[in-house]
C-alpha atoms as a PDB file:
ATOM      1  CA  MET A   1     -12.675   4.692 -17.634  1.00  0.00           C
ATOM      2  CA  SER A   2     -12.612   0.899 -17.829  1.00  0.00           C
ATOM      3  CA  PHE A   3     -10.038  -1.753 -16.941  1.00  0.00           C
ATOM      4  CA  LYS A   4      -9.187  -2.333 -20.612  1.00  0.00           C
ATOM      5  CA  LYS A   5      -5.523  -1.294 -20.307  1.00  0.00           C
ATOM      6  CA  TYR A   6      -4.794  -3.166 -17.086  1.00  0.00           C
ATOM      7  CA  HIS A   7      -2.673  -6.315 -16.827  1.00  0.00           C
ATOM      8  CA  PRO A   8      -4.411  -9.441 -18.245  1.00  0.00           C
ATOM      9  CA  LEU A   9      -3.916 -11.457 -15.046  1.00  0.00           C
ATOM     10  CA  LEU A  10      -5.359  -8.627 -12.978  1.00  0.00           C
ATOM     11  CA  LYS A  11      -8.340  -8.311 -15.308  1.00  0.00           C
ATOM     12  CA  GLU A  12      -8.859 -12.063 -15.064  1.00  0.00           C
ATOM     13  CA  SER A  13      -8.994 -11.845 -11.264  1.00  0.00           C
ATOM     14  CA  MET A  14     -11.406  -8.928 -11.360  1.00  0.00           C
ATOM     15  CA  GLU A  15     -13.701 -10.797 -13.729  1.00  0.00           C
ATOM     16  CA  THR A  16     -13.695 -13.760 -11.342  1.00  0.00           C
ATOM     17  CA  LEU A  17     -14.596 -11.400  -8.496  1.00  0.00           C
ATOM     18  CA  GLY A  18     -17.360  -9.788 -10.531  1.00  0.00           C
ATOM     19  CA  ILE A  19     -15.618  -6.408 -10.826  1.00  0.00           C
ATOM     20  CA  GLU A  20     -16.528  -5.066 -14.256  1.00  0.00           C
ATOM     21  CA  GLN A  21     -16.243  -1.298 -13.906  1.00  0.00           C
ATOM     22  CA  PRO A  22     -14.588   1.069 -11.410  1.00  0.00           C
ATOM     23  CA  ASN A  23     -16.914   2.948  -9.074  1.00  0.00           C
ATOM     24  CA  ALA A  24     -16.993   6.742  -8.723  1.00  0.00           C
ATOM     25  CA  PHE A  25     -14.024   6.940  -6.321  1.00  0.00           C
ATOM     26  CA  GLN A  26     -11.931   4.492  -8.339  1.00  0.00           C
ATOM     27  CA  LYS A  27     -12.595   6.340 -11.609  1.00  0.00           C
ATOM     28  CA  LYS A  28     -10.979   9.401 -10.060  1.00  0.00           C
ATOM     29  CA  ILE A  29      -8.037   7.879  -8.222  1.00  0.00           C
ATOM     30  CA  LEU A  30      -6.897   4.908 -10.318  1.00  0.00           C
ATOM     31  CA  PRO A  31      -5.635   7.007 -13.277  1.00  0.00           C
ATOM     32  CA  ILE A  32      -3.724   9.275 -10.895  1.00  0.00           C
ATOM     33  CA  ILE A  33      -1.975   6.368  -9.188  1.00  0.00           C
ATOM     34  CA  LYS A  34      -1.298   4.744 -12.546  1.00  0.00           C
ATOM     35  CA  SER A  35       0.334   7.990 -13.739  1.00  0.00           C
ATOM     36  CA  GLY A  36       2.870   7.854 -10.910  1.00  0.00           C
ATOM     37  CA  ALA A  37       1.675  10.926  -8.994  1.00  0.00           C
ATOM     38  CA  SER A  38       1.414  10.950  -5.216  1.00  0.00           C
ATOM     39  CA  VAL A  39      -2.173  11.221  -4.023  1.00  0.00           C
ATOM     40  CA  TYR A  40      -4.485  11.389  -1.035  1.00  0.00           C
ATOM     41  CA  GLY A  41      -7.594   9.211  -1.415  1.00  0.00           C
ATOM     42  CA  ILE A  42     -10.210  10.406   1.091  1.00  0.00           C
ATOM     43  CA  GLY A  43     -13.614   8.803   1.479  1.00  0.00           C
ATOM     44  CA  PRO A  44     -15.928   6.892   3.827  1.00  0.00           C
ATOM     45  CA  LYS A  45     -15.906   3.150   4.430  1.00  0.00           C
ATOM     46  CA  GLY A  46     -17.331   1.323   1.444  1.00  0.00           C
ATOM     47  CA  CYS A  47     -16.272   3.872  -1.169  1.00  0.00           C
ATOM     48  CA  GLY A  48     -13.731   1.478  -2.719  1.00  0.00           C
ATOM     49  CA  LYS A  49     -10.407   2.527  -1.200  1.00  0.00           C
ATOM     50  CA  THR A  50      -9.131  -0.989  -0.486  1.00  0.00           C
ATOM     51  CA  THR A  51     -10.007  -2.285  -3.936  1.00  0.00           C
ATOM     52  CA  ALA A  52      -8.357   0.765  -5.526  1.00  0.00           C
ATOM     53  CA  LEU A  53      -5.249   0.088  -3.451  1.00  0.00           C
ATOM     54  CA  ILE A  54      -5.015  -3.568  -4.463  1.00  0.00           C
ATOM     55  CA  ILE A  55      -5.671  -2.928  -8.154  1.00  0.00           C
ATOM     56  CA  SER A  56      -3.026  -0.187  -8.189  1.00  0.00           C
ATOM     57  CA  VAL A  57      -0.380  -2.324  -6.477  1.00  0.00           C
ATOM     58  CA  VAL A  58      -0.888  -5.378  -8.685  1.00  0.00           C
ATOM     59  CA  GLN A  59      -0.839  -3.208 -11.811  1.00  0.00           C
ATOM     60  CA  LYS A  60       2.248  -1.263 -10.701  1.00  0.00           C
ATOM     61  CA  LEU A  61       4.135  -4.514 -10.018  1.00  0.00           C
ATOM     62  CA  LYS A  62       3.025  -5.949 -13.381  1.00  0.00           C
ATOM     63  CA  ALA A  63       1.381  -8.891 -11.570  1.00  0.00           C
ATOM     64  CA  GLU A  64       4.696 -10.729 -11.224  1.00  0.00           C
ATOM     65  CA  ALA A  65       7.441 -11.391  -8.702  1.00  0.00           C
ATOM     66  CA  PHE A  66      10.788  -9.662  -9.190  1.00  0.00           C
ATOM     67  CA  GLU A  67      14.040 -10.272  -7.317  1.00  0.00           C
ATOM     68  CA  ASP A  68      13.957 -10.111  -3.494  1.00  0.00           C
ATOM     69  CA  SER A  69      13.271  -6.574  -2.245  1.00  0.00           C
ATOM     70  CA  PRO A  70       9.741  -5.254  -1.576  1.00  0.00           C
ATOM     71  CA  ARG A  71       8.356  -3.070  -4.360  1.00  0.00           C
ATOM     72  CA  ALA A  72       5.166  -2.111  -2.549  1.00  0.00           C
ATOM     73  CA  LEU A  73       5.015  -1.190   1.113  1.00  0.00           C
ATOM     74  CA  ILE A  74       1.650  -0.788   2.839  1.00  0.00           C
ATOM     75  CA  LEU A  75       1.404   0.525   6.388  1.00  0.00           C
ATOM     76  CA  VAL A  76      -1.654  -0.417   8.454  1.00  0.00           C
ATOM     77  CA  LYS A  77      -2.904   0.025  12.012  1.00  0.00           C
ATOM     78  CA  ASP A  78      -2.369  -3.429  13.542  1.00  0.00           C
ATOM     79  CA  LYS A  79      -2.079  -7.181  13.087  1.00  0.00           C
ATOM     80  CA  GLN A  80      -5.775  -7.624  12.354  1.00  0.00           C
ATOM     81  CA  GLU A  81      -5.740  -4.990   9.612  1.00  0.00           C
ATOM     82  CA  ALA A  82      -2.588  -6.510   8.105  1.00  0.00           C
ATOM     83  CA  LEU A  83      -4.030 -10.019   7.924  1.00  0.00           C
ATOM     84  CA  GLN A  84      -7.374  -8.821   6.576  1.00  0.00           C
ATOM     85  CA  LEU A  85      -5.688  -6.808   3.844  1.00  0.00           C
ATOM     86  CA  LYS A  86      -3.437  -9.728   2.898  1.00  0.00           C
ATOM     87  CA  GLU A  87      -6.514 -11.951   2.554  1.00  0.00           C
ATOM     88  CA  LYS A  88      -8.162  -9.404   0.263  1.00  0.00           C
ATOM     89  CA  PHE A  89      -4.980  -9.161  -1.813  1.00  0.00           C
ATOM     90  CA  GLU A  90      -4.898 -12.928  -2.244  1.00  0.00           C
ATOM     91  CA  ALA A  91      -8.234 -12.851  -4.067  1.00  0.00           C
ATOM     92  CA  PHE A  92      -6.582 -10.638  -6.709  1.00  0.00           C
ATOM     93  CA  THR A  93      -3.170 -12.356  -6.837  1.00  0.00           C
ATOM     94  CA  ALA A  94      -4.088 -16.052  -6.749  1.00  0.00           C
ATOM     95  CA  ASN A  95      -3.224 -16.428 -10.439  1.00  0.00           C
ATOM     96  CA  THR A  96       0.091 -14.557 -10.121  1.00  0.00           C
ATOM     97  CA  ASP A  97       3.402 -15.326  -8.406  1.00  0.00           C
ATOM     98  CA  LEU A  98       3.398 -12.104  -6.358  1.00  0.00           C
ATOM     99  CA  ARG A  99       4.676 -12.709  -2.827  1.00  0.00           C
ATOM    100  CA  LEU A 100       2.721 -11.110   0.026  1.00  0.00           C
ATOM    101  CA  TYR A 101       3.955 -10.817   3.592  1.00  0.00           C
ATOM    102  CA  CYS A 102       2.702  -9.310   6.868  1.00  0.00           C
ATOM    103  CA  ALA A 103       4.960  -7.888   9.589  1.00  0.00           C
ATOM    104  CA  TYR A 104       3.548  -7.003  13.015  1.00  0.00           C
ATOM    105  CA  ALA A 105       4.637  -7.032  16.644  1.00  0.00           C
ATOM    106  CA  ALA A 106       2.961 -10.291  17.651  1.00  0.00           C
ATOM    107  CA  LYS A 107       5.213 -12.206  15.282  1.00  0.00           C
ATOM    108  CA  ASN A 108       8.802 -13.263  16.064  1.00  0.00           C
ATOM    109  CA  LEU A 109      11.173 -10.595  14.790  1.00  0.00           C
ATOM    110  CA  GLU A 110      13.932 -13.003  13.741  1.00  0.00           C
ATOM    111  CA  THR A 111      11.437 -15.136  11.837  1.00  0.00           C
ATOM    112  CA  GLN A 112      10.212 -12.043  10.023  1.00  0.00           C
ATOM    113  CA  ARG A 113      13.746 -11.025   9.122  1.00  0.00           C
ATOM    114  CA  GLU A 114      14.423 -14.440   7.640  1.00  0.00           C
ATOM    115  CA  ASP A 115      11.123 -14.589   5.751  1.00  0.00           C
ATOM    116  CA  ILE A 116      11.657 -11.151   4.195  1.00  0.00           C
ATOM    117  CA  TYR A 117      15.232 -12.034   3.253  1.00  0.00           C
ATOM    118  CA  TYR A 118      13.988 -14.813   0.963  1.00  0.00           C
ATOM    119  CA  GLY A 119      11.924 -12.383  -1.105  1.00  0.00           C
ATOM    120  CA  VAL A 120       8.753 -10.307  -0.801  1.00  0.00           C
ATOM    121  CA  ASP A 121       6.959  -8.189  -3.400  1.00  0.00           C
ATOM    122  CA  VAL A 122       4.211  -6.650  -1.245  1.00  0.00           C
ATOM    123  CA  LEU A 123       5.022  -5.985   2.409  1.00  0.00           C
ATOM    124  CA  ILE A 124       2.078  -5.124   4.675  1.00  0.00           C
ATOM    125  CA  ALA A 125       3.299  -3.892   8.044  1.00  0.00           C
ATOM    126  CA  THR A 126       2.602  -1.804  11.119  1.00  0.00           C
ATOM    127  CA  PRO A 127       4.776   1.349  11.276  1.00  0.00           C
ATOM    128  CA  LYS A 128       6.568   0.411  14.512  1.00  0.00           C
ATOM    129  CA  GLN A 129       7.420  -3.115  13.374  1.00  0.00           C
ATOM    130  CA  LEU A 130       8.605  -1.924   9.994  1.00  0.00           C
ATOM    131  CA  SER A 131      10.831   0.628  11.724  1.00  0.00           C
ATOM    132  CA  LYS A 132      12.423  -2.154  13.782  1.00  0.00           C
ATOM    133  CA  LEU A 133      13.021  -4.289  10.699  1.00  0.00           C
ATOM    134  CA  TYR A 134      14.409  -1.379   8.717  1.00  0.00           C
ATOM    135  CA  HIS A 135      16.879  -0.401  11.441  1.00  0.00           C
ATOM    136  CA  LEU A 136      18.047  -4.012  11.604  1.00  0.00           C
ATOM    137  CA  ASN A 137      18.797  -3.801   7.852  1.00  0.00           C
ATOM    138  CA  SER A 138      16.124  -6.406   7.178  1.00  0.00           C
ATOM    139  CA  VAL A 139      14.118  -4.381   4.652  1.00  0.00           C
ATOM    140  CA  HIS A 140      15.809  -2.968   1.572  1.00  0.00           C
ATOM    141  CA  THR A 141      13.878  -0.047   0.057  1.00  0.00           C
ATOM    142  CA  GLY A 142      15.958   0.514  -3.075  1.00  0.00           C
ATOM    143  CA  GLU A 143      13.395  -1.158  -5.348  1.00  0.00           C
ATOM    144  CA  LEU A 144      10.315   0.398  -3.745  1.00  0.00           C
ATOM    145  CA  LYS A 145       7.738   1.724  -6.222  1.00  0.00           C
ATOM    146  CA  LEU A 146       4.746   2.356  -3.953  1.00  0.00           C
ATOM    147  CA  PHE A 147       4.630   3.526  -0.338  1.00  0.00           C
ATOM    148  CA  VAL A 148       1.033   3.379   0.920  1.00  0.00           C
ATOM    149  CA  VAL A 149      -0.610   4.277   4.219  1.00  0.00           C
ATOM    150  CA  HIS A 150      -3.998   2.572   4.360  1.00  0.00           C
ATOM    151  CA  ASP A 151      -6.910   3.711   6.553  1.00  0.00           C
ATOM    152  CA  ALA A 152      -4.530   6.387   7.810  1.00  0.00           C
ATOM    153  CA  ASP A 153      -6.726   7.769  10.599  1.00  0.00           C
ATOM    154  CA  PHE A 154      -4.628   5.588  12.940  1.00  0.00           C
ATOM    155  CA  ILE A 155      -1.495   7.707  12.522  1.00  0.00           C
ATOM    156  CA  ASN A 156      -2.483   9.964  15.422  1.00  0.00           C
ATOM    157  CA  ARG A 157      -1.839   7.140  17.910  1.00  0.00           C
ATOM    158  CA  ASP A 158       1.275   5.421  19.321  1.00  0.00           C
ATOM    159  CA  ASN A 159       3.807   7.686  17.612  1.00  0.00           C
ATOM    160  CA  ASN A 160       2.816   6.281  14.200  1.00  0.00           C
ATOM    161  CA  HIS A 161       3.021   9.755  12.651  1.00  0.00           C
ATOM    162  CA  ASN A 162       6.731   9.991  13.428  1.00  0.00           C
ATOM    163  CA  TYR A 163       7.488   6.392  12.440  1.00  0.00           C
ATOM    164  CA  ILE A 164       6.006   7.107   9.015  1.00  0.00           C
ATOM    165  CA  LEU A 165       7.954  10.349   8.643  1.00  0.00           C
ATOM    166  CA  ARG A 166      11.242   8.602   9.387  1.00  0.00           C
ATOM    167  CA  LEU A 167      10.497   5.694   7.071  1.00  0.00           C
ATOM    168  CA  THR A 168       9.728   7.954   4.122  1.00  0.00           C
ATOM    169  CA  GLU A 169      13.177   9.497   4.452  1.00  0.00           C
ATOM    170  CA  SER A 170      14.605   6.199   3.191  1.00  0.00           C
ATOM    171  CA  THR A 171      12.239   5.965   0.211  1.00  0.00           C
ATOM    172  CA  PRO A 172      12.560   9.271  -1.680  1.00  0.00           C
ATOM    173  CA  LYS A 173      12.013   7.679  -5.101  1.00  0.00           C
ATOM    174  CA  ALA A 174       8.770   5.923  -4.208  1.00  0.00           C
ATOM    175  CA  GLN A 175       5.282   7.062  -5.162  1.00  0.00           C
ATOM    176  CA  PHE A 176       3.297   7.922  -2.030  1.00  0.00           C
ATOM    177  CA  VAL A 177      -0.403   7.149  -1.584  1.00  0.00           C
ATOM    178  CA  ILE A 178      -2.477   7.802   1.531  1.00  0.00           C
ATOM    179  CA  PHE A 179      -5.990   6.421   1.958  1.00  0.00           C
ATOM    180  CA  SER A 180      -8.133   7.717   4.801  1.00  0.00           C
ATOM    181  CA  GLU A 181     -11.691   8.469   5.840  1.00  0.00           C
ATOM    182  CA  ASN A 182     -10.705  11.974   6.948  1.00  0.00           C
ATOM    183  CA  PHE A 183      -8.232  14.586   5.746  1.00  0.00           C
ATOM    184  CA  ASN A 184      -7.006  15.539   9.215  1.00  0.00           C
ATOM    185  CA  SER A 185      -4.199  17.912  10.180  1.00  0.00           C
ATOM    186  CA  LYS A 186      -1.569  15.176  10.697  1.00  0.00           C
ATOM    187  CA  ILE A 187      -2.228  13.741   7.249  1.00  0.00           C
ATOM    188  CA  ALA A 188      -2.259  17.195   5.654  1.00  0.00           C
ATOM    189  CA  ALA A 189       1.082  17.975   7.338  1.00  0.00           C
ATOM    190  CA  TYR A 190       2.760  15.299   5.218  1.00  0.00           C
ATOM    191  CA  GLN A 191       2.561  17.738   2.303  1.00  0.00           C
ATOM    192  CA  ASP A 192       5.543  19.518   3.860  1.00  0.00           C
ATOM    193  CA  SER A 193       7.690  16.386   4.147  1.00  0.00           C
ATOM    194  CA  PHE A 194       7.020  13.748   1.474  1.00  0.00           C
ATOM    195  CA  MET A 195       3.594  14.378  -0.126  1.00  0.00           C
ATOM    196  CA  PHE A 196       4.905  17.261  -2.232  1.00  0.00           C
ATOM    197  CA  ASN A 197       2.447  18.336  -4.950  1.00  0.00           C
ATOM    198  CA  ALA A 198       0.184  15.422  -4.025  1.00  0.00           C
ATOM    199  CA  ARG A 199      -3.237  15.293  -5.657  1.00  0.00           C
ATOM    200  CA  LEU A 200      -6.374  15.087  -3.534  1.00  0.00           C
ATOM    201  CA  VAL A 201      -9.291  12.819  -4.412  1.00  0.00           C
ATOM    202  CA  LYS A 202     -12.203  13.178  -2.008  1.00  0.00           C
ATOM    203  CA  VAL A 203     -15.682  11.671  -2.103  1.00  0.00           C
ATOM    204  CA  LYS A 204     -18.536  11.758   0.391  1.00  0.00           C
END
């Protein structure tokens, strides 16, 4: 596959970044995500998971802002992971009007509520903080297209597994994508709750 049928603004960003062709992992997983199927993407660091995630989100959102509610939700381990992922996104979205936002515990909750109220397209958050915001009616999930757990090995800690389970109950129409280095039992267990009929893409 190539990036021929992807959004022109996304292709422009990839050309600027020197991304000409998908790698082996991306060739397998990008068409599945583009098709709308839920999928597990399993592979080691450096296999291209983060780039596949960003390309998929920008493409799914048509590289443009729309109304106020998040259309892509990405759960990460902590503040550092959230900020790093946002920075990587910005390299792909600089020529678009997509609005990115990070929510994590070290940030004032009321400030986050206000910021999200004014409109976000891609919300990158820790599971616990997102749960707080959702239960305060600060995050509307009615427009959500993609629900992603990135580098999901962290779900075994700090009750993250259960936070994610509860959050997915409010997003039944979303497409679910889980990226991880390992296909562990907690991740596999999601097949019984929200990852129904999910595809599995695994590289070594």
